[in-house]
Amino acid sequence: MNDSCLFRSVRTAVACMLGALAFATQGATAPANPVATLAGAARAGPLCVTHGGVGSPPSLVDGTQAAADSGARVLRRGGASLDGSIAAVVVMENDPRFNAGFGANIRLDGKTVQMDAALMTGAGRFGAVAAIERVRNPILVARAVMDSTPHLMLAGEGATNFAHRIGFEDVVPISDDAVRKYHARMKRQAEVFGRNDTTYFDWRRYWNFPGAMPPDLLDWKRWGDTVGGVARDANGGFSACLSTGGTSVTLYGRVGDVPIYGCGLYAGPAGAVACTGEGEEIIKRTMARSVYEQMAKGVPARTAVEKTVAAFPARWDLGLIAVDARGWGVAANRPMAYGVAGK
């Protein structure tokens, strides 16, 4: 065999080998991200599923289960899915261990509490409040926005004034737990503000709170996130509710995914979905609507939430709960307390 024939033979062999390799790997995908929290099952009848926020320790399951039980009691009495999911979320808003309502995170200035809440029914009704202050139960104000106004959302001072005008108590919902968490986040102030590179966002430059910056400032440590509930009633109706105190490390007026239509939550004739996690990333993906669309195509609730969490970038937190006509699902890429209650 001459050199040219040898070259052609080697080239052909290499081409065949590469072709075989390409065929073997065709359709292969990157390994899925770990799903740290995963549960779900088929279940008929009235059903309420809750979460305490991605990152909430499983030790808080007594709180999330109490919330689910509260919602299920409403459903067993013949209540609509929305009434059940609201009842569940109110329980967690009143529990200072969760980042919502009475336990909402305190912002950078050490005194501001701004909250978001939203709800949606399977019939398409929606209501939300964003950056609301000085109320104990933002989810109830969101219900009032839906029932009493022509709007989908009220925000900031307008939302607060609306709540007080219709009879909600004017109270700053700061708990001892929230104060403890705030001070725990202030340990690395010297390190954070001593840097001159771009590793950290320059909070000093863009400070926009009404008062001056505190003498020491915090670093971010997650203590749980948005709380939520989804429900299915005896008539097969669905709803989803969310409430959150947001994150401490934000500028004044920041709004996350919770009150943004189709992002934090979504409900329709095929089921209901509620999210928790990195708000900006959830918004970019219209997350709740995308999970719902899977269920609308026949994907079971548990499979839909598991696949979505597994495909989500591992560096961001994400938790999901969902209920459909056949059952329920819970998935998160971090530990997450949840509750389930039904017939």
Foldseek 3Di string as FASTA:
>chain_A
DDPVVVVVVVVVVVVVVVVVVCVVCVPPDDFFFDWPDKDKDFDAAKKKKKWQFFVAAQVCLVQQAVLRVQLQVCQVVVHAQQVSFLSSVLSSLPDLLGCFFLVNAAAFQLQFFFKKKKKAKQVGQIFIEGRAFQARHRNVLRVCCRVPHPDRYYYDPRSNVVCVVVPTGRHGSYDPNNSVVQVVFQPCQCVQVVDDDPPDDDCVVVADDPDDGPPTGGHDDDSGWKMKMWIAHRVRMIMIMIMGRHGRHDHRRDGFQRSPPLQQWDHHSFWIKGKHWDRVVSVVVSPHNVLVVVSVVPDAASVSQAVVQRNDPLVIWMWMWMAGNTMIMITISHRIRMHMDHD
